[in-house]
Amino acid sequence: MASTKPTAVHFSLVIFVMSTLILALVCYLNYKEFTVAKLAAAAAADKSARSDADLRTALDEMTQIKRKLGYPDFEAIGTEADTSPNTVSGALNRDLALYGREQVQPSPANPSVAATLQSLRSALNAAEAHVRERQSELVNVQTELAQEQAAHTKKMSEIQTSQSSSEEQLQELVAQKNELVSEKDREIAKWRDEFRREQREKESLRDELDALRKQKETEIREFESVVGYLREKLNSLEDLSFDKADGQIVRVDNTTRAVWINLGSDDGLRSQVAFSVYTRNHNGFGRGNADIKAKIEVTKIRGPHLAEARILQEDLARPIQALDPIYSPAWSKGLKEYFSFVGVLDMNGDEKSDRELLHTVLQNSGAGVELEIDDAGNRVPEGGQLSVKSKFLIIGKIEDPADYPGSDTQKQEEVRKVIQEYTDLTKEAMRKGIKVVSFRDFLNYMGYEQQQRLFNTDSRGFNLKTGTEKTPVEDFDADNRLSVPNPSKRFKADGSLNKPLPKPQ
């Protein structure tokens, strides 16, 4: 009896049947997917063919557009704002800006070919209208020109007719003019010969005058030299002086080395004015230093005609006495004296000019400077001239350019200018009769003495750079004086004389 239990064959058969069914199902499904994929591939191939056709059409259209735009050789199209010259868009933007200029539309930053062409067309139409208008004006001008030419031709015809009728008159006038010109030429030739003859005579006369002038100039220089020499000899022999004494000594106090003079406030005298004291038997003022026995300086104004002075320098062999005359060329009663200076004006022995101090001394004495040659050789004031207004021409030290090193050319040139001014001024002074004195003699004449001034450091002021103590007459206090002179019985308390002074012997 057969067994009913499943065997391996049964299992194998079942597995085979199931595998067959599964395989059949898989084959069916794969076939279905293949069919769908095949249909999709066919559709894609058809779409690709249509896309290729569209692409070829677009490329053909782009090629046609590039030919229309004039850029057939450019491969790249470029972006709208492209500025590269190697793309169609960049080249188009460049050409629109280059050729369209102000007609680029709608704007240079965003140009459009159609809008630019329309703008260019409008501009061209306007230009053509302008040309037509100018052509119309040209036709009118040509018409007017033709009329003017016709009138000119008519006028020329009339002129030619008139000219032909006046040629005979013109020839006659030309003949007359030629005759007159010939006559004038003969007269001109005659006068030219006379002029040349006179020129030769004048040149000969000029040469004679030049020779005579040179001869006379030489004689004048010789005479000036002789006159200068004789003047120096005359001055050394006579040394005339027309100056008078400015005042005299009225009292002497040898204890305090003080003197009193007969000049005061009514005479215009001020303190610090210096005088030279002369001997009573002098030979004239300002003639030399032999007659000067002392130098004094006014310290206080005591009255209308009385002033106190201190003795700056005195010849002990010839002491100051009452009635001794006093003199200063820089001070004159009621008159301002003027002087001229040239050279180094050394007042303190340091071999340097003391111009500021000199000006102060002269100003305090009521004197002034007419002309001054400064250390650089310049005239002060600029362009100033020596005149008879100057009482003296005063000569300071005249330096030598050789005293300065060769490298200091500026100083050498300044010294040469001073020397030239000295030469010119001395000649001018000789011609004008102005006395020439040395600066040292001038200081002696005016009583100037180099000194060191001493003063107490109290509350009293000093009125000049030289440092003289300022004590007004009305503020004079005997208790505060540095020295009190012994009163003389010859004077009263107010400074007036008790009895007449003795006459000079």
Protein backbone atom coordinates (compact mmCIF):
# COMPACT_ATOMS: atom_id res chain seq x y z
CA MET A 1 0.00 0.00 0.00
CA ALA A 2 1.32 3.26 -0.99
CA SER A 3 2.42 5.76 1.70
CA THR A 4 0.49 9.07 2.09
CA LYS A 5 3.39 11.10 3.57
CA PRO A 6 4.97 13.81 1.44
CA THR A 7 8.30 12.90 0.08
CA ALA A 8 11.27 14.86 -1.28
CA VAL A 9 9.85 14.54 -4.71
CA HIS A 10 6.75 16.26 -3.56
CA PHE A 11 8.75 19.12 -2.08
CA SER A 12 10.90 19.42 -5.16
CA LEU A 13 7.85 19.55 -7.39
CA VAL A 14 6.25 22.22 -5.27
CA ILE A 15 9.39 24.29 -5.30
CA PHE A 16 9.75 23.89 -9.05
CA VAL A 17 6.16 24.92 -9.68
CA MET A 18 6.49 27.97 -7.43
CA SER A 19 9.79 28.95 -9.01
CA THR A 20 8.23 28.63 -12.45
CA LEU A 21 5.33 30.83 -11.45
CA ILE A 22 7.62 33.44 -9.91
CA LEU A 23 9.89 33.42 -12.96
CA ALA A 24 6.91 33.81 -15.23
CA LEU A 25 5.68 36.74 -13.16
CA VAL A 26 9.13 38.38 -13.18
CA CYS A 27 9.44 37.94 -16.93
CA TYR A 28 6.05 39.47 -17.43
CA LEU A 29 6.88 42.45 -15.27
CA ASN A 30 10.27 42.96 -16.97
CA TYR A 31 8.67 42.79 -20.38
CA LYS A 32 6.12 45.38 -19.38
CA GLU A 33 8.83 47.75 -18.04
CA PHE A 34 10.92 47.22 -21.18
CA THR A 35 7.93 48.08 -23.33
CA VAL A 36 7.33 51.30 -21.31
CA ALA A 37 11.03 52.20 -21.43
CA LYS A 38 11.14 51.55 -25.15
CA LEU A 39 8.16 53.83 -25.69
CA ALA A 40 9.79 56.51 -23.47
CA ALA A 41 13.06 56.20 -25.36
CA ALA A 42 11.24 56.60 -28.64
CA ALA A 43 9.47 59.73 -27.29
CA ALA A 44 12.79 61.12 -25.99
CA ALA A 45 14.47 60.49 -29.33
CA ASP A 46 11.65 62.28 -31.08
CA LYS A 47 11.87 65.21 -28.63
CA SER A 48 15.66 65.35 -29.07
CA ALA A 49 15.23 65.48 -32.82
CA ARG A 50 12.76 68.33 -32.47
CA SER A 51 15.15 70.14 -30.01
CA ASP A 52 18.04 69.73 -32.45
CA ALA A 53 15.89 71.20 -35.18
CA ASP A 54 14.88 74.12 -32.94
CA LEU A 55 18.55 74.66 -31.95
CA ARG A 56 19.65 74.70 -35.57
CA THR A 57 16.85 77.14 -36.33
CA ALA A 58 17.91 79.37 -33.37
CA LEU A 59 21.57 79.22 -34.43
CA ASP A 60 20.61 80.13 -37.97
CA GLU A 61 18.54 83.03 -36.66
CA MET A 62 21.42 84.18 -34.38
CA THR A 63 23.84 83.98 -37.30
CA GLN A 64 21.41 86.01 -39.39
CA ILE A 65 21.05 88.59 -36.56
CA LYS A 66 24.86 88.84 -36.20
CA ARG A 67 25.15 89.42 -39.95
CA LYS A 68 22.41 92.04 -39.74
CA LEU A 69 24.22 93.74 -36.83
CA GLY A 70 27.57 93.51 -38.63
CA TYR A 71 29.30 91.10 -36.25
CA PRO A 72 29.33 87.75 -38.17
CA ASP A 73 32.76 86.71 -36.89
CA PHE A 74 31.95 86.88 -33.17
CA GLU A 75 31.25 83.53 -31.51
CA ALA A 76 30.06 84.72 -28.09
CA ILE A 77 26.87 86.71 -27.72
CA GLY A 78 27.56 88.11 -24.24
CA THR A 79 25.24 89.58 -21.63
CA GLU A 80 23.17 92.74 -21.95
CA ALA A 81 25.64 94.88 -19.96
CA ASP A 82 28.72 93.18 -21.42
CA THR A 83 31.63 95.57 -22.17
CA SER A 84 34.01 93.02 -23.71
CA PRO A 85 34.94 93.92 -27.30
CA ASN A 86 35.09 90.17 -28.19
CA THR A 87 31.33 89.55 -27.79
CA VAL A 88 28.41 90.68 -29.93
CA SER A 89 26.74 92.47 -27.00
CA GLY A 90 30.00 94.17 -25.89
CA ALA A 91 30.90 95.26 -29.44
CA LEU A 92 27.34 96.53 -30.00
CA ASN A 93 27.39 98.55 -26.75
CA ARG A 94 30.78 100.00 -27.70
CA ASP A 95 29.68 100.99 -31.24
CA LEU A 96 26.41 102.49 -29.98
CA ALA A 97 28.33 104.67 -27.52
CA LEU A 98 31.02 105.50 -30.14
CA TYR A 99 28.79 106.34 -33.10
CA GLY A 100 25.49 107.14 -31.45
CA ARG A 101 27.00 109.55 -28.87
CA GLU A 102 24.24 111.77 -27.48
CA GLN A 103 21.63 109.98 -29.65
CA VAL A 104 21.96 106.69 -27.71
CA GLN A 105 18.51 105.75 -26.41
CA PRO A 106 16.92 105.22 -24.01
CA SER A 107 20.15 105.85 -22.04
CA PRO A 108 23.91 105.30 -22.50
CA ALA A 109 23.87 102.81 -19.62
CA ASN A 110 21.05 100.74 -21.19
CA PRO A 111 21.23 101.29 -24.98
CA SER A 112 18.71 99.94 -27.48
CA VAL A 113 19.46 99.50 -31.18
CA ALA A 114 15.94 100.33 -32.36
CA ALA A 115 15.57 103.35 -30.08
CA THR A 116 19.03 104.59 -31.03
CA LEU A 117 18.27 104.18 -34.75
CA GLN A 118 15.03 106.10 -34.32
CA SER A 119 16.89 108.89 -32.48
CA LEU A 120 19.55 108.97 -35.20
CA ARG A 121 16.82 109.13 -37.85
CA SER A 122 15.19 112.07 -36.08
CA ALA A 123 18.55 113.86 -35.78
CA LEU A 124 19.27 113.16 -39.45
CA ASN A 125 15.86 114.51 -40.46
CA ALA A 126 16.52 117.69 -38.46
CA ALA A 127 19.97 118.04 -40.06
CA GLU A 128 18.51 117.55 -43.55
CA ALA A 129 15.88 120.22 -42.82
CA HIS A 130 18.65 122.55 -41.63
CA VAL A 131 20.66 121.85 -44.80
CA ARG A 132 17.62 122.57 -46.97
CA GLU A 133 17.11 125.84 -45.10
CA ARG A 134 20.77 126.80 -45.60
CA GLN A 135 20.57 125.82 -49.28
CA SER A 136 17.59 128.13 -49.65
CA GLU A 137 19.56 130.92 -47.99
CA LEU A 138 22.52 130.13 -50.27
CA VAL A 139 20.30 130.50 -53.32
CA ASN A 140 19.16 133.90 -52.04
CA VAL A 141 22.75 134.97 -51.38
CA GLN A 142 23.84 133.80 -54.82
CA THR A 143 21.01 135.83 -56.34
CA GLU A 144 22.10 138.93 -54.41
CA LEU A 145 25.73 138.26 -55.40
CA ALA A 146 24.75 138.07 -59.06
CA GLN A 147 22.96 141.40 -58.72
CA GLU A 148 25.98 142.96 -57.01
CA GLN A 149 28.31 141.59 -59.68
CA ALA A 150 26.11 143.05 -62.38
CA ALA A 151 26.12 146.44 -60.64
CA HIS A 152 29.89 146.19 -60.14
CA THR A 153 30.41 145.35 -63.81
CA LYS A 154 28.35 148.35 -64.77
CA LYS A 155 30.31 150.57 -62.38
CA MET A 156 33.64 149.27 -63.69
CA SER A 157 32.52 150.01 -67.22
CA GLU A 158 31.71 153.57 -66.23
CA ILE A 159 35.07 153.91 -64.43
CA GLN A 160 36.98 152.56 -67.42
CA THR A 161 35.18 155.01 -69.64
CA SER A 162 36.02 157.86 -67.27
CA GLN A 163 39.61 156.63 -66.88
CA SER A 164 40.21 156.52 -70.59
CA SER A 165 39.00 160.11 -70.83
CA SER A 166 41.29 161.29 -67.97
CA GLU A 167 44.50 159.49 -68.97
CA GLU A 168 45.69 162.51 -70.93
CA GLN A 169 45.09 164.76 -67.93
CA LEU A 170 46.92 162.26 -65.73
CA GLN A 171 49.91 162.14 -68.07
CA GLU A 172 50.04 165.92 -68.08
CA LEU A 173 49.89 166.01 -64.26
CA VAL A 174 52.59 163.34 -64.03
CA ALA A 175 54.85 165.37 -66.28
CA GLN A 176 54.31 168.45 -64.11
CA LYS A 177 54.96 166.47 -60.93
CA ASN A 178 58.11 164.95 -62.38
CA GLU A 179 59.40 168.41 -63.20
CA LEU A 180 58.66 169.60 -59.65
CA VAL A 181 60.29 166.49 -58.17
CA SER A 182 63.40 167.02 -60.28
CA GLU A 183 63.60 170.61 -59.13
CA LYS A 184 63.17 169.58 -55.48
CA ASP A 185 65.80 166.86 -55.90
CA ARG A 186 68.25 169.45 -57.14
CA GLU A 187 67.45 171.68 -54.16
CA ILE A 188 67.78 168.73 -51.75
CA ALA A 189 71.14 167.80 -53.24
CA LYS A 190 72.26 171.40 -52.82
CA TRP A 191 71.11 171.57 -49.18
CA ARG A 192 72.60 168.14 -48.49
CA ASP A 193 75.99 169.32 -49.68
CA GLU A 194 75.71 172.43 -47.52
CA PHE A 195 74.61 170.32 -44.54
CA ARG A 196 77.56 167.98 -44.95
CA ARG A 197 79.92 170.93 -45.17
CA GLU A 198 78.44 172.44 -42.00
CA GLN A 199 78.62 169.04 -40.28
CA ARG A 200 82.31 168.81 -41.08
CA GLU A 201 82.81 172.33 -39.76
CA LYS A 202 80.85 171.52 -36.59
CA GLU A 203 82.80 168.32 -36.02
CA SER A 204 86.03 170.23 -36.42
CA LEU A 205 84.75 172.91 -34.03
CA ARG A 206 83.56 170.21 -31.59
CA ASP A 207 87.00 168.62 -31.59
CA GLU A 208 88.55 172.01 -30.89
CA LEU A 209 86.04 172.65 -28.08
CA ASP A 210 86.69 169.20 -26.57
CA ALA A 211 90.40 169.84 -26.58
CA LEU A 212 89.84 173.30 -25.08
CA ARG A 213 87.47 171.89 -22.44
CA LYS A 214 89.98 169.22 -21.44
CA GLN A 215 92.68 171.88 -21.24
CA LYS A 216 90.47 174.14 -19.10
CA GLU A 217 89.42 171.24 -16.88
CA THR A 218 93.07 170.44 -16.31
CA GLU A 219 93.76 174.09 -15.52
CA ILE A 220 90.73 174.21 -13.18
CA ARG A 221 91.95 171.14 -11.32
CA GLU A 222 95.38 172.70 -11.02
CA PHE A 223 93.85 175.98 -9.80
CA GLU A 224 91.65 174.10 -7.33
CA SER A 225 94.71 172.28 -6.05
CA VAL A 226 96.57 175.59 -5.70
CA VAL A 227 93.57 177.26 -4.05
CA GLY A 228 93.20 174.35 -1.65
CA TYR A 229 96.87 174.49 -0.79
CA LEU A 230 96.75 178.27 -0.32
CA ARG A 231 93.56 177.98 1.75
CA GLU A 232 95.24 175.44 4.02
CA LYS A 233 98.29 177.69 4.33
CA LEU A 234 96.06 180.71 5.03
CA ASN A 235 94.08 178.80 7.63
CA SER A 236 97.28 177.63 9.28
CA LEU A 237 98.60 181.23 9.32
CA GLU A 238 95.44 183.21 10.09
CA ASP A 239 92.65 180.72 10.84
CA LEU A 240 90.06 183.48 10.82
CA SER A 241 87.08 183.04 13.08
CA PHE A 242 83.93 185.15 13.00
CA ASP A 243 82.26 183.42 15.94
CA LYS A 244 81.65 185.34 19.14
CA ALA A 245 81.55 184.20 22.73
CA ASP A 246 78.24 182.65 23.77
CA GLY A 247 78.63 183.93 27.33
CA GLN A 248 81.10 184.25 30.18
CA ILE A 249 81.97 182.94 33.60
CA VAL A 250 80.46 185.05 36.40
CA ARG A 251 81.54 183.03 39.44
CA VAL A 252 83.89 180.15 40.26
CA ASP A 253 83.77 177.82 43.26
CA ASN A 254 86.91 175.71 43.24
CA THR A 255 85.80 173.81 46.33
CA THR A 256 82.89 172.12 44.56
CA ARG A 257 84.41 172.59 41.09
CA ALA A 258 81.32 174.53 40.06
CA VAL A 259 81.00 177.69 38.01
CA TRP A 260 78.17 180.06 37.17
CA ILE A 261 77.61 181.56 33.72
CA ASN A 262 75.53 184.51 32.51
CA LEU A 263 73.15 182.36 30.43
CA GLY A 264 69.80 181.06 31.61
CA SER A 265 66.22 180.18 30.79
CA ASP A 266 65.55 183.35 28.76
CA ASP A 267 68.49 182.47 26.54
CA GLY A 268 67.01 179.06 25.70
CA LEU A 269 69.72 177.24 27.65
CA ARG A 270 69.10 173.72 28.91
CA SER A 271 71.00 171.51 31.30
CA GLN A 272 73.70 169.17 29.98
CA VAL A 273 74.84 171.69 27.35
CA ALA A 274 78.65 171.75 27.31
CA PHE A 275 80.90 174.76 26.64
CA SER A 276 84.61 175.27 26.21
CA VAL A 277 86.19 177.98 28.39
CA TYR A 278 88.66 180.28 26.60
CA THR A 279 91.37 182.55 27.91
CA ARG A 280 90.43 186.21 27.90
CA ASN A 281 93.30 187.05 25.54
CA HIS A 282 92.32 184.36 23.03
CA ASN A 283 92.98 184.58 19.28
CA GLY A 284 89.45 183.67 18.19
CA PHE A 285 86.89 180.98 18.81
CA GLY A 286 87.04 177.67 16.96
CA ARG A 287 90.57 178.33 15.66
CA GLY A 288 92.39 175.68 17.65
CA ASN A 289 92.77 174.10 21.04
CA ALA A 290 95.55 176.32 22.41
CA ASP A 291 93.19 178.97 23.81
CA ILE A 292 90.83 176.44 25.47
CA LYS A 293 91.59 176.24 29.18
CA ALA A 294 88.64 174.17 30.43
CA LYS A 295 85.38 172.38 29.62
CA ILE A 296 82.15 172.79 31.56
CA GLU A 297 78.65 171.29 31.49
CA VAL A 298 75.47 173.04 32.60
CA THR A 299 73.82 171.23 35.51
CA LYS A 300 71.12 173.64 36.74
CA ILE A 301 69.30 176.66 35.36
CA ARG A 302 69.29 179.25 38.15
CA GLY A 303 67.52 182.19 36.54
CA PRO A 304 66.71 184.07 33.33
CA HIS A 305 70.41 184.74 32.74
CA LEU A 306 72.14 182.54 35.28
CA ALA A 307 73.06 178.86 35.24
CA GLU A 308 75.28 176.58 37.28
CA ALA A 309 77.78 174.29 35.57
CA ARG A 310 80.31 171.72 36.66
CA ILE A 311 83.91 171.61 35.50
CA LEU A 312 84.56 168.60 33.28
CA GLN A 313 88.22 169.30 32.51
CA GLU A 314 90.55 172.15 33.46
CA ASP A 315 94.11 173.25 32.76
CA LEU A 316 95.46 173.71 36.27
CA ALA A 317 98.13 176.04 34.94
CA ARG A 318 95.35 178.30 33.67
CA PRO A 319 92.50 178.07 36.19
CA ILE A 320 89.03 179.32 35.35
CA GLN A 321 88.39 182.91 36.34
CA ALA A 322 85.43 185.23 36.30
CA LEU A 323 84.82 186.93 32.94
CA ASP A 324 86.44 184.06 31.03
CA PRO A 325 84.48 183.69 27.75
CA ILE A 326 82.66 180.45 26.97
CA TYR A 327 81.88 179.10 23.53
CA SER A 328 80.26 176.14 21.82
CA PRO A 329 79.73 175.90 18.05
CA ALA A 330 76.66 173.73 18.71
CA TRP A 331 74.77 176.26 20.85
CA SER A 332 73.69 179.74 19.81
CA LYS A 333 71.21 182.01 21.47
CA GLY A 334 67.97 182.01 19.46
CA LEU A 335 69.55 180.13 16.54
CA LYS A 336 69.73 176.47 15.56
CA GLU A 337 73.11 175.54 14.14
CA TYR A 338 73.55 172.78 11.53
CA PHE A 339 76.58 170.61 10.78
CA SER A 340 77.59 167.97 8.24
CA PHE A 341 79.62 164.86 9.07
CA VAL A 342 81.68 162.27 7.19
CA GLY A 343 83.89 159.47 8.51
CA VAL A 344 83.95 157.39 11.70
CA LEU A 345 82.54 159.53 14.54
CA ASP A 346 84.26 158.01 17.59
CA MET A 347 83.39 159.83 20.84
CA ASN A 348 84.64 157.31 23.41
CA GLY A 349 87.89 156.03 21.92
CA ASP A 350 86.68 152.55 20.91
CA GLU A 351 87.27 153.28 17.18
CA LYS A 352 83.56 152.82 16.45
CA SER A 353 81.04 155.43 15.39
CA ASP A 354 78.90 156.85 18.20
CA ARG A 355 76.31 158.50 15.96
CA GLU A 356 73.40 158.01 18.34
CA LEU A 357 75.30 159.65 21.19
CA LEU A 358 76.39 162.50 18.90
CA HIS A 359 72.80 163.10 17.79
CA THR A 360 71.70 163.19 21.44
CA VAL A 361 74.39 165.72 22.37
CA LEU A 362 73.59 167.94 19.37
CA GLN A 363 69.85 167.74 19.98
CA ASN A 364 70.29 168.74 23.62
CA SER A 365 72.42 171.70 22.49
CA GLY A 366 69.70 172.78 20.06
CA ALA A 367 71.77 171.88 16.98
CA GLY A 368 70.99 169.63 14.02
CA VAL A 369 72.59 167.60 11.23
CA GLU A 370 72.14 168.82 7.66
CA LEU A 371 74.04 166.00 5.94
CA GLU A 372 75.67 162.84 7.24
CA ILE A 373 77.60 160.08 5.48
CA ASP A 374 76.93 156.86 7.38
CA ASP A 375 79.45 154.06 7.83
CA ALA A 376 78.16 152.35 4.66
CA GLY A 377 78.91 155.44 2.53
CA ASN A 378 75.24 156.47 2.11
CA ARG A 379 73.97 160.02 2.40
CA VAL A 380 71.52 160.71 5.22
CA PRO A 381 69.01 161.98 4.32
CA GLU A 382 69.03 160.20 0.97
CA GLY A 383 69.96 162.63 -1.78
CA GLY A 384 71.02 165.29 0.76
CA GLN A 385 73.36 168.08 -0.34
CA LEU A 386 75.92 170.21 1.48
CA SER A 387 74.88 173.87 1.64
CA VAL A 388 75.95 177.07 3.37
CA LYS A 389 73.40 176.14 6.03
CA SER A 390 76.12 173.92 7.54
CA LYS A 391 78.38 175.81 9.95
CA PHE A 392 81.17 173.21 9.71
CA LEU A 393 81.97 170.18 7.60
CA ILE A 394 83.29 167.83 10.29
CA ILE A 395 85.68 165.06 9.28
CA GLY A 396 85.88 161.90 11.36
CA LYS A 397 88.37 159.10 10.89
CA ILE A 398 88.69 158.12 7.21
CA GLU A 399 89.43 154.41 7.08
CA ASP A 400 91.60 152.57 4.56
CA PRO A 401 90.13 149.63 2.59
CA ALA A 402 93.46 147.83 3.08
CA ASP A 403 92.70 147.62 6.82
CA TYR A 404 90.07 144.96 6.09
CA PRO A 405 90.75 141.40 4.85
CA GLY A 406 90.31 140.65 1.18
CA SER A 407 87.34 138.41 1.90
CA ASP A 408 85.35 141.33 3.36
CA THR A 409 84.64 142.92 -0.02
CA GLN A 410 81.42 144.53 1.20
CA LYS A 411 83.20 146.54 3.93
CA GLN A 412 85.97 147.52 1.52
CA GLU A 413 83.38 148.84 -0.92
CA GLU A 414 81.66 150.79 1.87
CA VAL A 415 84.99 152.38 2.89
CA ARG A 416 85.65 153.36 -0.75
CA LYS A 417 82.24 155.03 -0.90
CA VAL A 418 83.03 156.98 2.29
CA ILE A 419 86.38 158.09 0.81
CA GLN A 420 84.67 159.26 -2.39
CA GLU A 421 82.06 161.19 -0.38
CA TYR A 422 84.85 162.72 1.72
CA THR A 423 86.64 163.90 -1.44
CA ASP A 424 83.46 165.35 -2.98
CA LEU A 425 82.31 167.08 0.22
CA THR A 426 85.68 168.69 0.97
CA LYS A 427 85.80 170.12 -2.57
CA GLU A 428 82.23 171.35 -2.25
CA ALA A 429 82.96 172.90 1.16
CA MET A 430 85.96 174.72 -0.32
CA ARG A 431 83.81 176.13 -3.14
CA LYS A 432 81.05 177.24 -0.75
CA GLY A 433 83.35 178.64 1.93
CA ILE A 434 82.33 176.12 4.61
CA LYS A 435 84.97 175.56 7.26
CA VAL A 436 86.35 172.02 7.50
CA VAL A 437 87.34 170.83 10.99
CA SER A 438 88.28 167.48 12.45
CA PHE A 439 85.79 165.64 14.61
CA ARG A 440 88.19 165.70 17.59
CA ASP A 441 88.60 169.51 17.34
CA PHE A 442 84.82 169.88 17.04
CA LEU A 443 84.31 167.97 20.30
CA ASN A 444 86.92 170.18 22.00
CA TYR A 445 85.29 173.36 20.67
CA MET A 446 81.89 172.37 22.04
CA GLY A 447 83.37 171.37 25.42
CA TYR A 448 82.58 167.67 25.16
CA GLU A 449 84.58 165.46 27.51
CA GLN A 450 84.38 161.68 27.66
CA GLN A 451 83.37 160.79 31.20
CA GLN A 452 81.74 158.18 33.39
CA ARG A 453 78.74 159.65 35.17
CA LEU A 454 77.99 158.65 38.76
CA PHE A 455 74.61 159.04 40.42
CA ASN A 456 72.78 157.90 43.52
CA THR A 457 70.14 155.21 43.15
CA ASP A 458 67.39 157.37 44.64
CA SER A 459 64.04 158.44 43.24
CA ARG A 460 65.37 161.34 41.16
CA GLY A 461 65.23 160.83 37.39
CA PHE A 462 67.72 161.37 34.58
CA ASN A 463 66.62 163.15 31.44
CA LEU A 464 69.21 162.02 28.86
CA LYS A 465 71.05 158.86 27.89
CA THR A 466 74.28 160.43 29.15
CA GLY A 467 72.81 160.32 32.66
CA THR A 468 72.84 163.87 34.05
CA GLU A 469 70.69 164.28 37.11
CA LYS A 470 67.41 166.12 36.55
CA THR A 471 66.70 168.77 39.18
CA PRO A 472 64.36 171.58 38.10
CA VAL A 473 65.08 175.04 39.47
CA GLU A 474 61.81 175.25 41.34
CA ASP A 475 62.36 171.81 42.94
CA PHE A 476 65.92 172.51 44.07
CA ASP A 477 66.45 171.37 47.67
CA ALA A 478 69.70 172.29 49.38
CA ASP A 479 69.33 169.41 51.86
CA ASN A 480 69.30 166.81 49.05
CA ARG A 481 72.24 168.18 47.03
CA LEU A 482 75.28 165.98 46.61
CA SER A 483 77.48 169.05 47.22
CA VAL A 484 76.71 172.57 48.43
CA PRO A 485 78.96 175.35 47.11
CA ASN A 486 80.27 177.93 49.52
CA PRO A 487 78.26 181.11 48.94
CA SER A 488 80.20 184.12 47.71
CA LYS A 489 79.69 187.53 49.24
CA ARG A 490 79.64 188.94 45.74
CA PHE A 491 76.23 187.31 45.09
CA LYS A 492 72.91 187.71 46.81
CA ALA A 493 70.70 184.79 47.79
CA ASP A 494 68.74 185.06 44.53
CA GLY A 495 71.95 184.88 42.46
CA SER A 496 72.17 188.58 41.56
CA LEU A 497 75.42 190.53 41.97
CA ASN A 498 76.06 192.68 45.03
CA LYS A 499 78.44 194.89 43.10
CA PRO A 500 79.75 195.16 39.55
CA LEU A 501 82.30 192.61 38.40
CA PRO A 502 85.79 193.84 37.60
CA LYS A 503 86.51 194.63 33.99
CA PRO A 504 88.70 192.18 32.09
CA GLN A 505 92.34 193.12 31.89
